[in-house]
């Protein structure tokens, strides 16, 4: 494994867990008023494009890392709607 791959994996780990503190805070406080849906929509779009890009260049580190981030993002949106009594 070369250093470029290691950098990509480490960056993926940090990107993947970056939403975890927000998710934990949301679950603890059961309050969704502090979350910007525009930010989440923008992030969702960017992550989806990164996944598409990773498939196009056949880079599974990019695909996996962004898929994890996208899953956390979707969880935050679903829980956000739940606490706002939308669903």
N, C-alpha and C. Protein backbone atom coordinates (compact mmCIF):
# COMPACT_ATOMS: atom_id res chain seq x y z
N UNK A 1 0.86 -1.17 0.00
CA UNK A 1 0.00 0.00 0.00
C UNK A 1 0.91 1.23 0.00
N UNK A 2 0.67 2.12 -0.97
CA UNK A 2 1.52 3.30 -1.06
C UNK A 2 0.97 4.45 -0.21
N UNK A 3 1.78 5.49 -0.06
CA UNK A 3 1.41 6.59 0.83
C UNK A 3 0.17 7.35 0.33
N UNK A 4 -0.04 7.42 -0.96
CA UNK A 4 -1.21 8.09 -1.50
C UNK A 4 -2.49 7.36 -1.09
N UNK A 5 -2.46 6.04 -1.13
CA UNK A 5 -3.61 5.25 -0.71
C UNK A 5 -3.87 5.44 0.77
N UNK A 6 -2.83 5.47 1.58
CA UNK A 6 -2.97 5.68 3.03
C UNK A 6 -3.60 7.04 3.31
N UNK A 7 -3.13 8.07 2.61
CA UNK A 7 -3.70 9.41 2.77
C UNK A 7 -5.18 9.40 2.41
N UNK A 8 -5.54 8.72 1.33
CA UNK A 8 -6.93 8.63 0.92
C UNK A 8 -7.79 7.91 1.95
N UNK A 9 -7.27 6.85 2.53
CA UNK A 9 -8.02 6.10 3.54
C UNK A 9 -8.20 6.93 4.80
N UNK A 10 -7.15 7.60 5.25
CA UNK A 10 -7.24 8.44 6.46
C UNK A 10 -8.21 9.60 6.21
N UNK A 11 -8.12 10.24 5.06
CA UNK A 11 -9.04 11.32 4.72
C UNK A 11 -10.48 10.79 4.69
N UNK A 12 -10.66 9.60 4.18
CA UNK A 12 -11.98 8.99 4.13
C UNK A 12 -12.54 8.75 5.52
N UNK A 13 -11.69 8.30 6.42
CA UNK A 13 -12.14 8.06 7.80
C UNK A 13 -12.61 9.36 8.45
N UNK A 14 -11.82 10.41 8.31
CA UNK A 14 -12.21 11.70 8.89
C UNK A 14 -13.48 12.24 8.25
N UNK A 15 -13.60 12.12 6.95
CA UNK A 15 -14.81 12.58 6.26
C UNK A 15 -16.01 11.76 6.70
N UNK A 16 -15.82 10.47 6.80
CA UNK A 16 -16.91 9.58 7.17
C UNK A 16 -17.47 9.83 8.55
N UNK A 17 -16.61 10.14 9.48
CA UNK A 17 -17.07 10.35 10.86
C UNK A 17 -17.36 11.82 11.18
N UNK A 18 -17.18 12.71 10.22
CA UNK A 18 -17.39 14.13 10.48
C UNK A 18 -18.83 14.45 10.89
N UNK A 19 -19.78 13.68 10.42
CA UNK A 19 -21.18 13.93 10.75
C UNK A 19 -21.61 13.23 12.03
N UNK A 20 -20.77 12.35 12.55
CA UNK A 20 -21.12 11.60 13.75
C UNK A 20 -21.41 12.49 14.96
N UNK A 21 -20.61 13.52 15.25
CA UNK A 21 -20.94 14.40 16.38
C UNK A 21 -22.31 15.07 16.23
N UNK A 22 -22.66 15.47 15.02
CA UNK A 22 -23.97 16.09 14.79
C UNK A 22 -25.09 15.08 15.03
N UNK A 23 -24.89 13.86 14.57
CA UNK A 23 -25.89 12.81 14.77
C UNK A 23 -26.07 12.49 16.25
N UNK A 24 -24.98 12.40 16.97
CA UNK A 24 -25.03 12.11 18.41
C UNK A 24 -25.73 13.25 19.15
N UNK A 25 -25.39 14.49 18.80
CA UNK A 25 -26.04 15.65 19.43
C UNK A 25 -27.53 15.65 19.16
N UNK A 26 -27.90 15.36 17.95
CA UNK A 26 -29.31 15.32 17.57
C UNK A 26 -30.06 14.25 18.36
N UNK A 27 -29.46 13.09 18.52
CA UNK A 27 -30.10 12.00 19.27
C UNK A 27 -30.19 12.32 20.76
N UNK A 28 -29.14 12.96 21.30
CA UNK A 28 -29.13 13.31 22.72
C UNK A 28 -30.17 14.38 23.05
N UNK A 29 -30.16 15.45 22.27
CA UNK A 29 -31.01 16.60 22.57
C UNK A 29 -32.44 16.46 22.06
N UNK A 30 -32.64 15.54 21.10
CA UNK A 30 -33.96 15.35 20.50
C UNK A 30 -34.55 16.68 20.01
N UNK A 31 -33.66 17.49 19.47
CA UNK A 31 -34.04 18.82 19.01
C UNK A 31 -33.36 19.07 17.66
N UNK A 32 -34.16 19.37 16.67
CA UNK A 32 -33.62 19.50 15.31
C UNK A 32 -33.59 20.94 14.80
N UNK A 33 -33.88 21.89 15.64
CA UNK A 33 -33.98 23.27 15.16
C UNK A 33 -32.64 23.87 14.76
N UNK A 34 -31.55 23.31 15.26
CA UNK A 34 -30.23 23.87 14.96
C UNK A 34 -29.62 23.36 13.66
N UNK A 35 -30.31 22.48 12.98
CA UNK A 35 -29.73 21.85 11.80
C UNK A 35 -30.22 22.54 10.54
N UNK A 36 -29.28 22.91 9.69
CA UNK A 36 -29.61 23.55 8.43
C UNK A 36 -29.89 22.49 7.37
N UNK A 37 -31.12 22.46 6.89
CA UNK A 37 -31.46 21.50 5.84
C UNK A 37 -30.77 21.86 4.52
N UNK A 38 -30.49 23.14 4.31
CA UNK A 38 -29.77 23.55 3.09
C UNK A 38 -28.35 23.00 3.11
N UNK A 39 -27.71 23.04 4.28
CA UNK A 39 -26.37 22.48 4.39
C UNK A 39 -26.40 20.99 4.11
N UNK A 40 -27.38 20.30 4.70
CA UNK A 40 -27.48 18.86 4.48
C UNK A 40 -27.79 18.53 3.02
N UNK A 41 -28.64 19.31 2.38
CA UNK A 41 -28.96 19.08 0.97
C UNK A 41 -27.73 19.29 0.09
N UNK A 42 -26.96 20.32 0.40
CA UNK A 42 -25.73 20.59 -0.35
C UNK A 42 -24.72 19.47 -0.14
N UNK A 43 -24.56 19.04 1.10
CA UNK A 43 -23.64 17.95 1.41
C UNK A 43 -24.10 16.66 0.74
N UNK A 44 -25.40 16.36 0.79
CA UNK A 44 -25.97 15.19 0.16
C UNK A 44 -25.62 15.16 -1.33
N UNK A 45 -25.80 16.29 -1.99
CA UNK A 45 -25.50 16.39 -3.43
C UNK A 45 -24.01 16.15 -3.69
N UNK A 46 -23.16 16.79 -2.89
CA UNK A 46 -21.72 16.61 -3.06
C UNK A 46 -21.29 15.17 -2.85
N UNK A 47 -21.82 14.53 -1.82
CA UNK A 47 -21.47 13.14 -1.54
C UNK A 47 -21.93 12.21 -2.66
N UNK A 48 -23.14 12.44 -3.16
CA UNK A 48 -23.65 11.63 -4.27
C UNK A 48 -22.76 11.79 -5.51
N UNK A 49 -22.32 13.01 -5.77
CA UNK A 49 -21.43 13.24 -6.91
C UNK A 49 -20.07 12.59 -6.70
N UNK A 50 -19.55 12.61 -5.46
CA UNK A 50 -18.29 11.93 -5.17
C UNK A 50 -18.42 10.42 -5.40
N UNK A 51 -19.55 9.85 -5.00
CA UNK A 51 -19.76 8.42 -5.21
C UNK A 51 -19.79 8.11 -6.71
N UNK A 52 -20.51 8.91 -7.45
CA UNK A 52 -20.57 8.73 -8.90
C UNK A 52 -19.17 8.85 -9.51
N UNK A 53 -18.43 9.86 -9.09
CA UNK A 53 -17.05 10.06 -9.56
C UNK A 53 -16.19 8.84 -9.23
N UNK A 54 -16.31 8.32 -7.99
CA UNK A 54 -15.53 7.14 -7.59
C UNK A 54 -15.83 5.94 -8.46
N UNK A 55 -17.10 5.75 -8.80
CA UNK A 55 -17.47 4.66 -9.71
C UNK A 55 -16.86 4.88 -11.09
N UNK A 56 -16.93 6.13 -11.55
CA UNK A 56 -16.42 6.43 -12.90
C UNK A 56 -14.93 6.17 -13.04
N UNK A 57 -14.17 6.45 -11.96
CA UNK A 57 -12.72 6.23 -12.04
C UNK A 57 -12.31 4.91 -11.39
N UNK A 58 -13.32 4.15 -10.94
CA UNK A 58 -13.08 2.84 -10.33
C UNK A 58 -12.21 2.94 -9.08
N UNK A 59 -12.51 3.92 -8.22
CA UNK A 59 -11.77 4.11 -6.97
C UNK A 59 -12.70 3.79 -5.81
N UNK A 60 -12.51 2.60 -5.24
CA UNK A 60 -13.43 2.11 -4.22
C UNK A 60 -13.24 2.80 -2.87
N UNK A 61 -12.09 3.41 -2.62
CA UNK A 61 -11.89 4.18 -1.40
C UNK A 61 -12.83 5.40 -1.43
N UNK A 62 -12.88 6.08 -2.56
CA UNK A 62 -13.75 7.24 -2.70
C UNK A 62 -15.22 6.82 -2.59
N UNK A 63 -15.57 5.73 -3.25
CA UNK A 63 -16.96 5.26 -3.21
C UNK A 63 -17.37 4.90 -1.79
N UNK A 64 -16.57 4.10 -1.11
CA UNK A 64 -16.93 3.62 0.23
C UNK A 64 -16.99 4.77 1.24
N UNK A 65 -15.98 5.62 1.22
CA UNK A 65 -15.92 6.73 2.18
C UNK A 65 -17.13 7.65 2.03
N UNK A 66 -17.45 7.98 0.81
CA UNK A 66 -18.57 8.89 0.59
C UNK A 66 -19.92 8.21 0.78
N UNK A 67 -19.97 6.91 0.58
CA UNK A 67 -21.20 6.17 0.85
C UNK A 67 -21.49 6.15 2.35
N UNK A 68 -20.45 5.99 3.17
CA UNK A 68 -20.63 6.04 4.62
C UNK A 68 -21.11 7.43 5.04
N UNK A 69 -20.48 8.45 4.51
CA UNK A 69 -20.89 9.82 4.82
C UNK A 69 -22.32 10.08 4.37
N UNK A 70 -22.67 9.60 3.20
CA UNK A 70 -24.02 9.78 2.69
C UNK A 70 -25.05 9.08 3.58
N UNK A 71 -24.71 7.89 4.06
CA UNK A 71 -25.61 7.17 4.96
C UNK A 71 -25.83 7.94 6.25
N UNK A 72 -24.76 8.47 6.84
CA UNK A 72 -24.90 9.29 8.04
C UNK A 72 -25.73 10.54 7.76
N UNK A 73 -25.53 11.13 6.60
CA UNK A 73 -26.30 12.31 6.21
C UNK A 73 -27.78 11.97 6.10
N UNK A 74 -28.10 10.85 5.50
CA UNK A 74 -29.50 10.43 5.38
C UNK A 74 -30.10 10.19 6.76
N UNK A 75 -29.34 9.56 7.66
CA UNK A 75 -29.83 9.34 9.02
C UNK A 75 -30.15 10.66 9.72
N UNK A 76 -29.27 11.64 9.56
CA UNK A 76 -29.49 12.95 10.17
C UNK A 76 -30.77 13.58 9.62
N UNK A 77 -30.99 13.49 8.32
CA UNK A 77 -32.19 14.07 7.72
C UNK A 77 -33.44 13.37 8.24
N UNK A 78 -33.42 12.04 8.29
CA UNK A 78 -34.59 11.29 8.77
C UNK A 78 -34.88 11.62 10.22
N UNK A 79 -33.86 11.63 11.07
CA UNK A 79 -34.06 11.96 12.49
C UNK A 79 -34.49 13.41 12.65
N UNK A 80 -33.94 14.29 11.82
CA UNK A 80 -34.33 15.69 11.84
C UNK A 80 -35.82 15.83 11.57
N UNK A 81 -36.31 15.17 10.53
CA UNK A 81 -37.73 15.22 10.22
C UNK A 81 -38.57 14.60 11.35
N UNK A 82 -38.07 13.54 11.93
CA UNK A 82 -38.78 12.89 13.04
C UNK A 82 -38.96 13.85 14.22
N UNK A 83 -37.89 14.54 14.61
CA UNK A 83 -37.97 15.46 15.74
C UNK A 83 -38.74 16.73 15.43
N UNK A 84 -38.88 17.03 14.16
CA UNK A 84 -39.72 18.18 13.79
C UNK A 84 -41.15 17.74 13.57
N UNK A 85 -41.44 16.48 13.88
CA UNK A 85 -42.77 15.89 13.75
C UNK A 85 -43.32 15.97 12.33
N UNK A 86 -42.44 15.83 11.38
CA UNK A 86 -42.86 15.84 9.98
C UNK A 86 -43.27 14.44 9.56
N UNK A 87 -42.55 13.42 10.08
CA UNK A 87 -42.89 12.04 9.71
C UNK A 87 -43.43 11.32 10.93
